[in-house]
Structures are given as C-alpha cells and as structure tokens.
C-alpha cells in the first residue's frame, strides 16, 4: 500500500498507535486496545493465533483503562492508567519445578494478556518492546528491563536473560539523581532518554547504532556480541551498560526512536539527528552511507519537529504544525523527504515495513506528564497546538485536576497517583455503564421477541383479543374400572353405601367446540 488509508472499523477517536514488525495496535479515547495483523505467538492478544485484517478489540482488557501500548517484533505490552503492565505474545518463564534463581529460563508465549506482577508495586509511565525484550519507565524515574540480554541490550552489565523485570542500576543510572524519561529498543540495543535531555545507549555496536565512534568505545568483545568489526573489539563495559552519546550531550533532546538498524532524535529546538545504518536513505543525510555518530538532517531544517518514528526502511517525523515528513523506503538510492497530505496529525508510528499516523485533537502530552516534567526538569517539545483550550487550562493549574484540596507541601507523586486512580476509576465506571447498556439492549430484544410470539399466537386463534375462558359443563357418566384407576387420587372418591362400596370420579374439563347444529353432552 503506497498511500495512507483510513481504518473505517475504528469508529471512535484513536489516542495513540504503535507498529511492530508484523502487527499494529491502537488505544482509543475510551482507553480500550485494538490490535490487527499477524496473530502467530498470540501477538494480538485475542486468545488465539488467528490473523486479523481489521482492528479487533482485545476483550481480555475490557474494563481496564489502558494508557499506552507498545508493539515489539514478537510480543505486545500495555500500560494501564494505574501504572500496571500487561503483556502478551512471546515471553520467558521459569521451567516447571525449577528454582527461580538457578533455573535456565525457557521461552514460551501467551495468547491473552497477563499482568506483570513483578511491577505491581511500581507505577509505570511508559513501555517499550524490542524483538525479545521489554523496558518500562516509572514515574519515579526508574528503568526496568527484562527478556533476552545476549547482546547486552538490557543494560545490566551482563548478557543474561531475565524472566522478571529488574531495575537498571549501572552505567549512567548509577547516579542517584538520574531520571529515566523514555526508552526504546532497536534490534540488539537499547536507547534511553533522561530527564536532563541526554541520550544513552548500550548493546550491539554494529552499524554505529550506539552513536559512539569505535575508537572512543571503552571496548567490547566483538565475537561475544555477534560483531565482526575489529575496531569494536575491546572491553565489554561500554556496550553492556548505558553510557551517554557525546555528540548529543549539548543538544537537549526531547524525543527518541529506534528502527531495525538506525536511530533518530529530536531536540527541543526542533532539529532532527539520525545515525546508524544508512541503507535506503533512511537517515535523511542525502545518501546511503552509515553514520557512527548522530548527524543533523538538513533536508527538513526550518521545520520544528516534535516527534520521530523509525521503521525498518524509513523515518517519520511530525512537526509542531501537524505536518508529517518521511524519507527512506525500498529504493536503492536516497530520495528527498515526502510530505503526508493530512491535517490534524497528533501522532506517528513506524514498524517493520509499515507506518501509522493518528489524526484528531487528542493531546499528545498528558497532563500528568506535564506535571512530572516540571518537577524533574525535563523540557517537553513545544507541542500544545493540538490540545483543546479546556485541557490547557487544566495543565496550567495541575492542582485542580484531582478535584481535591492539596497544599504546597503535597508531594507530586501523591498528586500523580490520585490522577491515575481517578482516570482508572472513570474508565471503569464507563465500562460498567456500557455493560449495563448492553444488558438493557438484550432485555429489550427478549421483550420484543415475546411480544411478537404473543401477536402470532393471537393471529392463529383468529382474533386480536385475549383468549376466552372455556365454558364448563356439568354432568355425570359411567366409567369403567381401568379409566377410574388412571385418574388422579384427588379426583377419586369412595364411599360405603348400604353395605356396597361405591366409587365416584370427579373432573373438570373444557368442552370441545361444537359445530353449528350440535349439542354438548
């Protein structure tokens, strides 16, 4: 498909979307998740492995307010308004009956969403999925990663796989004031954006995706990381733990994105930097050469970019005016950026070989993120053009969001927790209302069916009025012994008359309808 096509099956407003290699997902204004695409390994979360050509509601999450969703290559993850994490698709788990500490993890998959209990005590704000790994950033600035770590992409200083999320506490995150704002995975590396605007990376160095020249890397064991480049063959410290990218330390980055073999970052001034593999012209540097360090994309200078997205073959950016520019593709030569002719774009996403854009007036920055950014000093992109005035007023006065009286001494974490709880309760009440409406509709359908059956019965009886009460007939008749024995006990009467035993049978039956000229007996 060469031109953007609307999804008519999604009737309600879409808040955000995500693209994986083989599937896509979207969160609607009612905080529900829809997925479509390839269904193998339970990627779609519908309880089976069937492919879906159209968006389908993930019914297992109905009644749970979803805030964000992320698509990986082989699994999907979602964050609720209360900060809980649900995952489905590929996963790692402990072998049955084995000790969690000493057992070797085994790989499996889940076709329906399951709660990540290891993060139940944390309030997760954003989520990211790689090919076989997941990262979650909390409102307290902690970063948790789990999954495969054979290239050092988890950032824990080793290459072991992790079944349960573990907090990253090495590299730049060893500092007590380090705050993880956002994270994303490439194929074999991790990119982190801190609240101070620094960009850090770890994992495989092939193609320059870590953004640091091979001669300044503190080194890596090239063969252990699956890299054949001799220039990267030094100590594994720099690639197994997160370290800053020197070329971006003075840029104050506000948005990052990872593709299969390249990265992109947008600064607070609206400039875009790209680095990594340059095949298909996806770096936007006017050629197909690789870039070991971030280089500015001159093709769109003068446009203030607020969001970036990287796919396997292309790069997308969104400007503050709602324009979308893309470059790369399947061509062998670099091509100038193309412009998406659509108005009101509020979000972009890119996956393996496809892209998605979200249209509408939904705010791209939540009120809770605005409050949190002010507290930790993160400079958000100037992206308020798509926000309605009522929401802007609430953001300018964040203490009125929860509807409770608070003081200046109230910790921001308490307010953020209250906002998340209120949003979750609101969505839960909406789900209960929808369930009641659905039950009412079913009752109305049943009542309508009963009325139709009654009308048909009246027509068969030859009139529209209610059936007449049958006329009773009094009389007596002789019956034989077998007929008397077949009657009910309450219909049988026996008396002793002059030494004779006399048996009577009493019954009430409706007379048959008599034709004209007949008499009743």
Protein backbone atom coordinates (compact mmCIF):
# COMPACT_ATOMS: atom_id res chain seq x y z
CA UNK A 1 0.00 0.00 0.00
CA UNK A 2 1.71 3.19 -1.20
CA UNK A 3 -0.78 5.79 0.08
CA UNK A 4 -2.18 6.29 3.62
CA UNK A 5 -5.57 4.64 4.07
CA UNK A 6 -8.05 5.29 6.88
CA UNK A 7 -9.27 2.46 9.10
CA UNK A 8 -13.08 2.69 8.92
CA UNK A 9 -13.59 -0.05 11.52
CA UNK A 10 -12.25 2.21 14.29
CA UNK A 11 -15.27 4.44 14.81
CA UNK A 12 -14.01 6.25 17.92
CA UNK A 13 -11.10 8.63 18.40
CA UNK A 14 -7.66 7.00 18.50
CA UNK A 15 -5.30 8.41 21.13
CA UNK A 16 -2.08 6.67 20.13
CA UNK A 17 -0.85 3.84 17.93
CA UNK A 18 2.13 1.52 17.73
CA UNK A 19 3.58 -0.58 14.90
CA UNK A 20 5.52 -3.80 15.24
CA UNK A 21 7.11 -5.88 12.53
CA UNK A 22 4.01 -7.92 11.81
CA UNK A 23 1.14 -6.24 13.65
CA UNK A 24 -0.22 -2.92 14.92
CA UNK A 25 -2.14 -1.68 17.95
CA UNK A 26 -4.12 1.41 18.90
CA UNK A 27 -5.54 2.92 22.10
CA UNK A 28 -8.88 4.69 21.76
CA UNK A 29 -10.40 7.59 23.71
CA UNK A 30 -12.35 5.06 25.80
CA UNK A 31 -8.99 3.56 26.93
CA UNK A 32 -9.52 0.31 25.00
CA UNK A 33 -6.92 -1.55 22.90
CA UNK A 34 -7.45 -2.72 19.33
CA UNK A 35 -4.94 -4.95 17.50
CA UNK A 36 -4.63 -6.30 13.97
CA UNK A 37 -2.11 -8.04 11.73
CA UNK A 38 -0.30 -11.32 12.22
CA UNK A 39 -1.58 -13.44 15.10
CA UNK A 40 1.22 -16.00 15.49
CA UNK A 41 2.53 -16.47 19.05
CA UNK A 42 -0.54 -14.63 20.35
CA UNK A 43 0.73 -11.25 19.12
CA UNK A 44 -2.78 -9.79 19.01
CA UNK A 45 -3.94 -10.90 22.47
CA UNK A 46 -7.26 -12.38 21.29
CA UNK A 47 -6.74 -15.78 22.91
CA UNK A 48 -5.76 -17.45 19.64
CA UNK A 49 -3.20 -17.18 16.83
CA UNK A 50 -5.54 -16.07 14.07
CA UNK A 51 -4.51 -13.23 11.76
CA UNK A 52 -6.71 -10.13 11.73
CA UNK A 53 -7.12 -7.96 8.63
CA UNK A 54 -9.11 -5.34 10.57
CA UNK A 55 -8.73 -3.84 14.06
CA UNK A 56 -10.29 -6.03 16.73
CA UNK A 57 -10.93 -5.19 20.38
CA UNK A 58 -8.76 -7.01 22.93
CA UNK A 59 -11.68 -8.22 25.04
CA UNK A 60 -9.49 -9.53 27.84
CA UNK A 61 -8.65 -5.91 28.72
CA UNK A 62 -12.21 -4.54 28.56
CA UNK A 63 -12.88 -2.70 31.81
CA UNK A 64 -9.18 -1.91 32.30
CA UNK A 65 -8.18 1.65 31.40
CA UNK A 66 -5.21 1.45 29.02
CA UNK A 67 -2.88 4.43 28.79
CA UNK A 68 -0.21 3.29 26.31
CA UNK A 69 0.58 0.28 24.13
CA UNK A 70 3.82 -0.88 22.51
CA UNK A 71 4.35 -3.45 19.75
CA UNK A 72 7.52 -5.50 19.53
CA UNK A 73 8.55 -7.97 16.90
CA UNK A 74 7.08 -10.96 18.68
CA UNK A 75 5.13 -9.58 21.66
CA UNK A 76 2.99 -6.65 22.82
CA UNK A 77 2.77 -4.70 26.08
CA UNK A 78 0.30 -2.18 27.52
CA UNK A 79 0.31 0.22 30.48
CA UNK A 80 -2.89 0.97 32.39
CA UNK A 81 -3.95 4.33 33.82
CA UNK A 82 -2.99 2.98 37.25
CA UNK A 83 0.53 2.16 36.06
CA UNK A 84 0.19 -1.63 35.76
CA UNK A 85 1.75 -3.57 32.89
CA UNK A 86 0.09 -6.28 30.78
CA UNK A 87 1.97 -8.35 28.19
CA UNK A 88 1.07 -10.99 25.63
CA UNK A 89 2.84 -12.89 22.87
CA UNK A 90 6.41 -14.19 23.26
CA UNK A 91 7.78 -14.38 26.80
CA UNK A 92 10.39 -16.02 29.01
CA UNK A 93 9.43 -18.04 32.07
CA UNK A 94 10.94 -20.37 34.62
CA UNK A 95 10.86 -24.10 33.94
CA UNK A 96 8.25 -26.04 35.90
CA UNK A 97 9.51 -27.10 39.30
CA UNK A 98 12.86 -25.33 38.95
CA UNK A 99 14.33 -22.76 41.30
CA UNK A 100 13.90 -19.22 40.03
CA UNK A 101 17.50 -18.27 40.83
CA UNK A 102 19.30 -21.24 39.32
CA UNK A 103 16.96 -22.39 36.57
CA UNK A 104 17.60 -21.63 32.93
CA UNK A 105 14.68 -19.62 31.51
CA UNK A 106 12.54 -21.23 28.86
CA UNK A 107 10.75 -19.45 26.05
CA UNK A 108 7.01 -19.69 25.50
CA UNK A 109 4.13 -17.44 24.51
CA UNK A 110 0.75 -16.29 25.81
CA UNK A 111 -2.22 -15.65 23.53
CA UNK A 112 -4.04 -13.50 26.12
CA UNK A 113 -2.82 -10.53 28.22
CA UNK A 114 -1.30 -11.33 31.60
CA UNK A 115 -0.36 -8.97 34.44
CA UNK A 116 3.35 -8.46 35.16
CA UNK A 117 3.21 -9.00 38.92
CA UNK A 118 6.86 -8.04 39.46
CA UNK A 119 5.92 -4.41 38.73
CA UNK A 120 2.77 -4.32 40.87
CA UNK A 121 4.44 -2.07 43.46
CA UNK A 122 5.60 0.41 40.79
CA UNK A 123 3.64 2.99 38.79
CA UNK A 124 4.81 2.54 35.22
CA UNK A 125 4.51 5.55 32.93
CA UNK A 126 5.81 4.34 29.57
CA UNK A 127 6.66 0.99 27.96
CA UNK A 128 8.85 -0.19 25.05
CA UNK A 129 9.20 -3.54 23.29
CA UNK A 130 12.13 -4.91 21.32
CA UNK A 131 12.40 -8.18 19.38
CA UNK A 132 12.76 -10.28 22.56
CA UNK A 133 12.90 -7.73 25.40
CA UNK A 134 10.85 -5.11 27.21
CA UNK A 135 11.60 -1.86 29.08
CA UNK A 136 9.40 0.10 31.47
CA UNK A 137 10.00 3.58 32.95
CA UNK A 138 8.21 4.55 36.17
CA UNK A 139 7.01 7.92 37.48
CA UNK A 140 9.89 7.82 39.98
CA UNK A 141 12.44 7.71 37.13
CA UNK A 142 13.42 4.05 37.50
CA UNK A 143 14.05 1.91 34.42
CA UNK A 144 13.21 -1.81 34.41
CA UNK A 145 14.18 -4.23 31.63
CA UNK A 146 13.66 -7.96 31.07
CA UNK A 147 13.82 -10.57 28.31
CA UNK A 148 16.80 -11.66 26.25
CA UNK A 149 20.09 -9.96 27.06
CA UNK A 150 22.52 -11.85 24.82
CA UNK A 151 23.79 -8.59 23.25
CA UNK A 152 23.85 -6.52 26.43
CA UNK A 153 20.71 -4.68 25.38
CA UNK A 154 19.13 -4.89 28.87
CA UNK A 155 21.76 -2.56 30.32
CA UNK A 156 22.51 -4.60 33.46
CA UNK A 157 26.22 -5.06 32.73
CA UNK A 158 25.81 -8.69 31.67
CA UNK A 159 24.34 -10.75 28.85
CA UNK A 160 21.99 -12.98 30.81
CA UNK A 161 18.31 -13.20 30.06
CA UNK A 162 15.80 -12.09 32.70
CA UNK A 163 12.36 -13.59 33.27
CA UNK A 164 11.18 -10.84 35.62
CA UNK A 165 11.78 -7.08 35.36
CA UNK A 166 14.88 -5.82 37.13
CA UNK A 167 15.84 -2.22 37.75
CA UNK A 168 18.79 -0.93 35.73
CA UNK A 169 21.37 0.38 38.19
CA UNK A 170 24.63 0.56 36.28
CA UNK A 171 26.17 2.97 33.80
CA UNK A 172 24.57 6.41 33.81
CA UNK A 173 21.75 5.14 36.04
CA UNK A 174 24.16 4.53 38.90
CA UNK A 175 23.80 8.22 39.83
CA UNK A 176 21.12 8.88 42.43
CA UNK A 177 19.71 11.86 40.50
CA UNK A 178 19.41 10.01 37.18
CA UNK A 179 15.80 10.05 35.93
CA UNK A 180 14.71 7.80 33.05
CA UNK A 181 12.15 9.65 30.94
CA UNK A 182 11.78 7.37 27.89
CA UNK A 183 13.35 4.27 26.38
CA UNK A 184 13.16 2.30 23.14
CA UNK A 185 14.74 -0.82 21.66
CA UNK A 186 16.43 -1.40 18.35
CA UNK A 187 17.17 -4.90 17.16
CA UNK A 188 20.06 -5.53 19.57
CA UNK A 189 20.44 -2.28 21.51
CA UNK A 190 18.69 0.00 23.99
CA UNK A 191 18.29 3.76 23.74
CA UNK A 192 17.46 5.83 26.86
CA UNK A 193 16.38 9.46 27.20
CA UNK A 194 16.97 11.02 30.62
CA UNK A 195 15.15 13.97 32.19
CA UNK A 196 18.23 16.12 31.62
CA UNK A 197 17.90 15.59 27.84
CA UNK A 198 20.85 13.20 27.50
CA UNK A 199 20.65 10.15 25.22
CA UNK A 200 22.35 6.93 26.36
CA UNK A 201 22.82 3.59 24.62
CA UNK A 202 24.02 0.05 25.19
CA UNK A 203 24.07 -3.27 23.34
CA UNK A 204 25.49 -4.37 20.00
CA UNK A 205 27.63 -1.74 18.26
CA UNK A 206 27.31 -2.98 14.68
CA UNK A 207 26.49 -0.25 12.17
CA UNK A 208 27.22 2.58 14.60
CA UNK A 209 23.80 2.32 16.26
CA UNK A 210 25.19 3.22 19.69
CA UNK A 211 26.17 6.68 18.40
CA UNK A 212 29.78 6.50 19.62
CA UNK A 213 32.79 6.05 17.38
CA UNK A 214 34.54 2.70 17.64
CA UNK A 215 37.82 4.38 18.57
CA UNK A 216 36.25 6.01 21.65
CA UNK A 217 34.25 2.99 22.84
CA UNK A 218 35.60 1.70 26.13
CA UNK A 219 35.60 -1.51 24.11
CA UNK A 220 33.63 -4.68 23.52
CA UNK A 221 34.28 -8.31 22.90
CA UNK A 222 33.19 -8.30 19.26
CA UNK A 223 32.68 -12.04 18.91
CA UNK A 224 30.66 -12.31 22.14
CA UNK A 225 28.36 -9.57 20.87
CA UNK A 226 27.99 -11.07 17.42
CA UNK A 227 30.07 -8.29 15.83
CA UNK A 228 32.86 -8.98 13.38
CA UNK A 229 34.29 -5.44 13.36
CA UNK A 230 37.84 -5.50 14.78
CA UNK A 231 37.62 -1.80 15.70
CA UNK A 232 34.95 -2.60 18.29
CA UNK A 233 36.90 -5.43 19.90
CA UNK A 234 37.72 -4.01 23.34
CA UNK A 235 36.26 -4.21 26.86
CA UNK A 236 32.53 -5.05 27.13
CA UNK A 237 31.78 -2.40 29.78
CA UNK A 238 30.52 0.32 27.44
CA UNK A 239 28.20 -1.92 25.45
CA UNK A 240 26.74 -3.82 28.40
CA UNK A 241 25.74 -0.73 30.38
CA UNK A 242 24.19 2.59 29.41
CA UNK A 243 26.54 5.44 28.50
CA UNK A 244 25.84 8.89 27.09
CA UNK A 245 26.26 9.72 23.40
CA UNK A 246 28.80 12.58 23.36
CA UNK A 247 27.51 14.17 20.14
CA UNK A 248 24.09 14.80 21.73
CA UNK A 249 25.13 15.95 25.19
CA UNK A 250 24.73 19.65 24.34
CA UNK A 251 21.55 19.27 22.26
CA UNK A 252 18.83 18.85 24.92
CA UNK A 253 16.93 16.00 23.24
CA UNK A 254 13.17 15.69 23.85
CA UNK A 255 12.21 12.65 21.69
CA UNK A 256 13.93 9.44 20.53
CA UNK A 257 13.10 6.49 18.25
CA UNK A 258 14.75 3.23 17.18
CA UNK A 259 14.43 1.23 13.98
CA UNK A 260 15.92 -2.09 12.97
CA UNK A 261 19.35 -0.60 12.29
CA UNK A 262 19.15 3.16 12.88
CA UNK A 263 18.05 5.78 15.39
CA UNK A 264 16.61 9.29 15.35
CA UNK A 265 16.33 12.04 17.95
CA UNK A 266 14.55 15.39 18.04
CA UNK A 267 15.90 18.30 20.06
CA UNK A 268 13.91 20.93 21.92
CA UNK A 269 14.81 23.38 19.14
CA UNK A 270 13.06 21.13 16.62
CA UNK A 271 16.13 19.71 14.85
CA UNK A 272 16.43 16.02 13.94
CA UNK A 273 19.57 13.89 14.28
CA UNK A 274 19.94 10.40 12.82
CA UNK A 275 22.64 7.73 12.97
CA UNK A 276 23.23 4.02 12.27
CA UNK A 277 22.77 2.11 9.03
CA UNK A 278 22.07 4.38 6.06
CA UNK A 279 20.62 1.83 3.61
CA UNK A 280 17.55 3.01 1.64
CA UNK A 281 18.37 6.61 2.59
CA UNK A 282 16.53 6.26 5.90
CA UNK A 283 18.99 8.54 7.75
CA UNK A 284 18.00 11.52 5.61
CA UNK A 285 21.60 12.61 5.01
CA UNK A 286 21.29 12.58 1.22
CA UNK A 287 22.98 9.19 0.72
CA UNK A 288 23.06 5.58 1.86
CA UNK A 289 26.24 5.70 3.94
CA UNK A 290 26.28 4.64 7.58
CA UNK A 291 26.77 7.20 10.35
CA UNK A 292 28.59 6.19 13.56
CA UNK A 293 27.60 9.39 15.32
CA UNK A 294 24.38 11.46 15.24
CA UNK A 295 24.24 13.90 12.33
CA UNK A 296 21.66 16.60 11.72
CA UNK A 297 19.09 16.03 8.98
CA UNK A 298 19.44 19.13 6.79
CA UNK A 299 16.57 18.21 4.46
CA UNK A 300 13.94 19.44 6.91
CA UNK A 301 15.79 22.27 8.59
CA UNK A 302 13.43 25.13 9.29
CA UNK A 303 10.65 22.72 10.35
CA UNK A 304 10.18 22.38 14.09
CA UNK A 305 9.96 18.63 14.73
CA UNK A 306 8.28 17.39 17.93
CA UNK A 307 8.05 13.62 17.32
CA UNK A 308 10.10 10.97 15.48
CA UNK A 309 9.45 7.35 14.48
CA UNK A 310 11.79 4.80 12.88
CA UNK A 311 10.83 1.71 10.88
CA UNK A 312 12.94 -0.94 9.22
CA UNK A 313 13.28 1.05 5.99
CA UNK A 314 12.17 4.63 6.72
CA UNK A 315 11.96 7.51 9.19
CA UNK A 316 8.92 9.65 10.02
CA UNK A 317 8.79 13.00 11.79
CA UNK A 318 5.90 15.21 12.89
CA UNK A 319 6.19 18.96 13.12
CA UNK A 320 4.56 21.34 15.56
CA UNK A 321 2.13 22.33 12.79
CA UNK A 322 0.90 18.75 12.36
CA UNK A 323 2.83 18.03 9.14
CA UNK A 324 4.41 14.61 8.60
CA UNK A 325 7.63 14.13 6.62
CA UNK A 326 9.10 10.74 5.73
CA UNK A 327 12.21 9.53 3.94
CA UNK A 328 13.71 6.16 3.06
CA UNK A 329 11.74 3.27 1.61
CA UNK A 330 12.66 0.35 -0.59
CA UNK A 331 14.71 2.21 -3.18
CA UNK A 332 18.42 1.70 -3.59
CA UNK A 333 19.08 5.44 -3.79
CA UNK A 334 18.25 8.13 -1.26
CA UNK A 335 15.20 10.23 -2.10
CA UNK A 336 14.08 13.64 -0.81
CA UNK A 337 11.56 13.60 2.04
CA UNK A 338 7.90 13.22 1.14
CA UNK A 339 5.06 15.07 2.84
CA UNK A 340 1.89 13.41 4.08
CA UNK A 341 -1.10 15.46 2.96
CA UNK A 342 -3.24 15.21 6.08
CA UNK A 343 -4.42 17.74 8.61
CA UNK A 344 -4.59 17.41 12.37
CA UNK A 345 -1.91 14.72 12.81
CA UNK A 346 -1.25 14.16 16.52
CA UNK A 347 0.94 11.04 16.45
CA UNK A 348 3.21 8.93 14.22
CA UNK A 349 4.41 5.33 14.47
CA UNK A 350 6.57 3.06 12.30
CA UNK A 351 7.22 -0.67 12.29
CA UNK A 352 8.88 -3.34 10.21
CA UNK A 353 7.54 -2.31 6.81
CA UNK A 354 4.56 -0.10 7.58
CA UNK A 355 3.68 3.18 9.29
CA UNK A 356 0.69 4.73 11.05
CA UNK A 357 -0.41 8.27 11.83
CA UNK A 358 -3.08 9.37 14.31
CA UNK A 359 -5.43 12.19 13.39
CA UNK A 360 -7.53 14.30 15.71
CA UNK A 361 -7.39 16.79 18.55
CA UNK A 362 -6.31 14.35 21.22
CA UNK A 363 -3.48 15.83 23.34
CA UNK A 364 -0.12 14.27 22.54
CA UNK A 365 1.22 15.12 26.01
CA UNK A 366 -0.81 14.05 29.02
CA UNK A 367 -1.44 16.38 31.94
CA UNK A 368 0.39 14.04 34.29
CA UNK A 369 3.48 14.11 32.06
CA UNK A 370 3.40 17.92 32.08
CA UNK A 371 3.32 17.97 35.88
CA UNK A 372 6.08 15.37 36.11
CA UNK A 373 8.26 17.18 33.57
CA UNK A 374 8.04 20.39 35.58
CA UNK A 375 9.13 18.55 38.71
CA UNK A 376 12.14 16.73 37.21
CA UNK A 377 13.23 19.50 34.84
CA UNK A 378 12.52 17.69 31.57
CA UNK A 379 11.89 20.06 28.67
CA UNK A 380 8.91 18.85 26.70
CA UNK A 381 8.58 19.58 22.99
CA UNK A 382 6.51 22.68 22.20
CA UNK A 383 3.54 20.60 21.15
CA UNK A 384 0.41 22.23 22.56
CA UNK A 385 -1.15 23.21 19.25
CA UNK A 386 -3.39 20.12 19.17
CA UNK A 387 -4.62 20.44 22.76
CA UNK A 388 -8.10 21.81 23.41
CA UNK A 389 -8.24 25.04 25.49
CA UNK A 390 -10.03 23.31 28.38
CA UNK A 391 -7.16 20.86 28.79
CA UNK A 392 -4.58 23.63 28.53
CA UNK A 393 -6.29 25.40 31.40
CA UNK A 394 -6.13 22.22 33.49
CA UNK A 395 -2.44 21.81 32.68
CA UNK A 396 -1.68 25.38 33.71
CA UNK A 397 -3.37 24.62 37.06
CA UNK A 398 -2.41 20.99 37.71
CA UNK A 399 -3.55 21.03 41.34
CA UNK A 400 -7.19 21.23 40.21
CA UNK A 401 -7.00 18.04 38.13
CA UNK A 402 -7.68 15.66 41.02
CA UNK A 403 -10.55 17.75 42.43
CA UNK A 404 -9.10 17.56 45.96
CA UNK A 405 -7.69 20.25 48.20
CA UNK A 406 -3.92 19.97 48.38
CA UNK A 407 -1.20 22.12 49.86
CA UNK A 408 2.15 23.19 48.55
CA UNK A 409 3.72 20.52 50.77
CA UNK A 410 1.83 17.73 49.00
CA UNK A 411 4.40 15.51 47.20
CA UNK A 412 3.97 15.43 43.39
CA UNK A 413 3.93 11.63 43.49
CA UNK A 414 0.75 11.72 45.59
CA UNK A 415 -0.98 14.00 43.11
CA UNK A 416 0.12 11.91 40.15
CA UNK A 417 -1.13 8.76 41.86
CA UNK A 418 -4.50 10.40 42.52
CA UNK A 419 -4.78 11.48 38.89
CA UNK A 420 -4.02 7.96 37.66
CA UNK A 421 -6.55 6.47 40.09
CA UNK A 422 -9.26 8.91 39.05
CA UNK A 423 -8.64 8.21 35.37
CA UNK A 424 -8.76 4.48 36.02
CA UNK A 425 -11.97 4.74 38.06
CA UNK A 426 -13.59 6.88 35.38
CA UNK A 427 -12.80 4.32 32.71
CA UNK A 428 -14.03 1.51 34.98
CA UNK A 429 -17.35 3.31 35.51
CA UNK A 430 -17.67 3.87 31.77
CA UNK A 431 -17.13 0.14 31.22
CA UNK A 432 -19.83 -0.67 33.81
CA UNK A 433 -22.19 1.76 32.08
CA UNK A 434 -21.51 0.12 28.72
CA UNK A 435 -22.16 -3.32 30.25
CA UNK A 436 -25.49 -2.12 31.70
CA UNK A 437 -26.48 -0.64 28.34
CA UNK A 438 -25.62 -3.91 26.64
CA UNK A 439 -27.70 -5.90 29.13
CA UNK A 440 -30.60 -3.48 28.71
CA UNK A 441 -30.42 -3.91 24.96
CA UNK A 442 -30.56 -7.70 25.33
CA UNK A 443 -33.61 -7.44 27.61
CA UNK A 444 -35.33 -5.17 25.12
CA UNK A 445 -34.66 -7.69 22.37
CA UNK A 446 -36.11 -10.50 24.51
CA UNK A 447 -39.22 -8.43 25.31
CA UNK A 448 -39.69 -7.66 21.64
CA UNK A 449 -39.45 -11.38 20.84
CA UNK A 450 -42.09 -12.23 23.46
CA UNK A 451 -44.46 -9.58 22.07
CA UNK A 452 -44.01 -10.92 18.55
CA UNK A 453 -44.72 -14.50 19.68
CA UNK A 454 -47.86 -13.37 21.51
CA UNK A 455 -49.08 -11.50 18.46
CA UNK A 456 -48.55 -14.54 16.24
CA UNK A 457 -50.43 -16.72 18.75
CA UNK A 458 -53.39 -14.36 18.72
CA UNK A 459 -53.49 -14.38 14.94
CA UNK A 460 -53.55 -18.18 14.90
CA UNK A 461 -56.52 -18.11 17.29
CA UNK A 462 -58.43 -15.88 14.91
CA UNK A 463 -58.58 -12.66 16.86
CA UNK A 464 -56.55 -9.86 18.36
CA UNK A 465 -58.16 -10.05 21.81
CA UNK A 466 -57.15 -12.33 24.66
CA UNK A 467 -58.43 -15.95 24.54
CA UNK A 468 -61.85 -16.56 26.06
CA UNK A 469 -62.22 -18.62 29.23
CA UNK A 470 -63.69 -22.01 28.24
CA UNK A 471 -67.26 -22.73 29.40
CA UNK A 472 -67.53 -25.50 31.94
CA UNK A 473 -70.15 -28.34 31.54
CA UNK A 474 -71.70 -30.20 34.46
CA UNK A 475 -72.89 -33.80 34.18
CA UNK A 476 -72.24 -37.44 35.04
CA UNK A 477 -71.41 -40.61 33.20
CA UNK A 478 -70.40 -44.18 33.88
CA UNK A 479 -66.71 -45.13 33.52
CA UNK A 480 -65.01 -48.50 33.61
CA UNK A 481 -62.51 -49.69 36.21
CA UNK A 482 -59.37 -49.03 34.14
CA UNK A 483 -60.37 -45.41 33.48
CA UNK A 484 -61.06 -44.86 37.19
CA UNK A 485 -57.65 -46.33 38.11
CA UNK A 486 -55.85 -43.98 35.71
CA UNK A 487 -57.27 -40.86 37.33
CA UNK A 488 -55.51 -38.76 39.97
CA UNK A 489 -56.08 -39.57 43.66
CA UNK A 490 -57.66 -36.19 44.32
CA UNK A 491 -60.20 -36.99 41.58
CA UNK A 492 -61.23 -40.32 43.19
CA UNK A 493 -63.93 -40.60 45.90
CA UNK A 494 -65.04 -43.88 47.56
CA UNK A 495 -67.98 -44.26 49.97
CA UNK A 496 -69.81 -47.18 51.69
CA UNK A 497 -73.50 -47.02 50.83
CA UNK A 498 -75.88 -49.66 52.35
CA UNK A 499 -73.10 -52.19 52.53
CA UNK A 500 -71.99 -51.52 48.98
CA UNK A 501 -68.73 -49.87 48.06
CA UNK A 502 -69.41 -47.01 45.64
CA UNK A 503 -66.66 -45.18 43.81
CA UNK A 504 -67.05 -41.70 42.24
CA UNK A 505 -64.71 -39.82 39.94
CA UNK A 506 -64.76 -36.03 39.71
CA UNK A 507 -63.07 -33.99 36.99
CA UNK A 508 -63.35 -30.59 35.30
CA UNK A 509 -62.59 -30.43 31.58
CA UNK A 510 -63.14 -27.82 28.94
CA UNK A 511 -65.83 -28.74 26.45
CA UNK A 512 -64.91 -29.21 22.87
CA UNK A 513 -66.01 -26.57 20.37
CA UNK A 514 -69.27 -27.61 18.78
CA UNK A 515 -70.09 -27.14 15.20
CA UNK A 516 -73.35 -25.44 14.32
CA UNK A 517 -76.31 -27.77 14.97
CA UNK A 518 -74.50 -29.95 17.54
CA UNK A 519 -75.30 -30.14 21.23
CA UNK A 520 -72.94 -30.60 24.17
CA UNK A 521 -73.16 -33.59 26.44
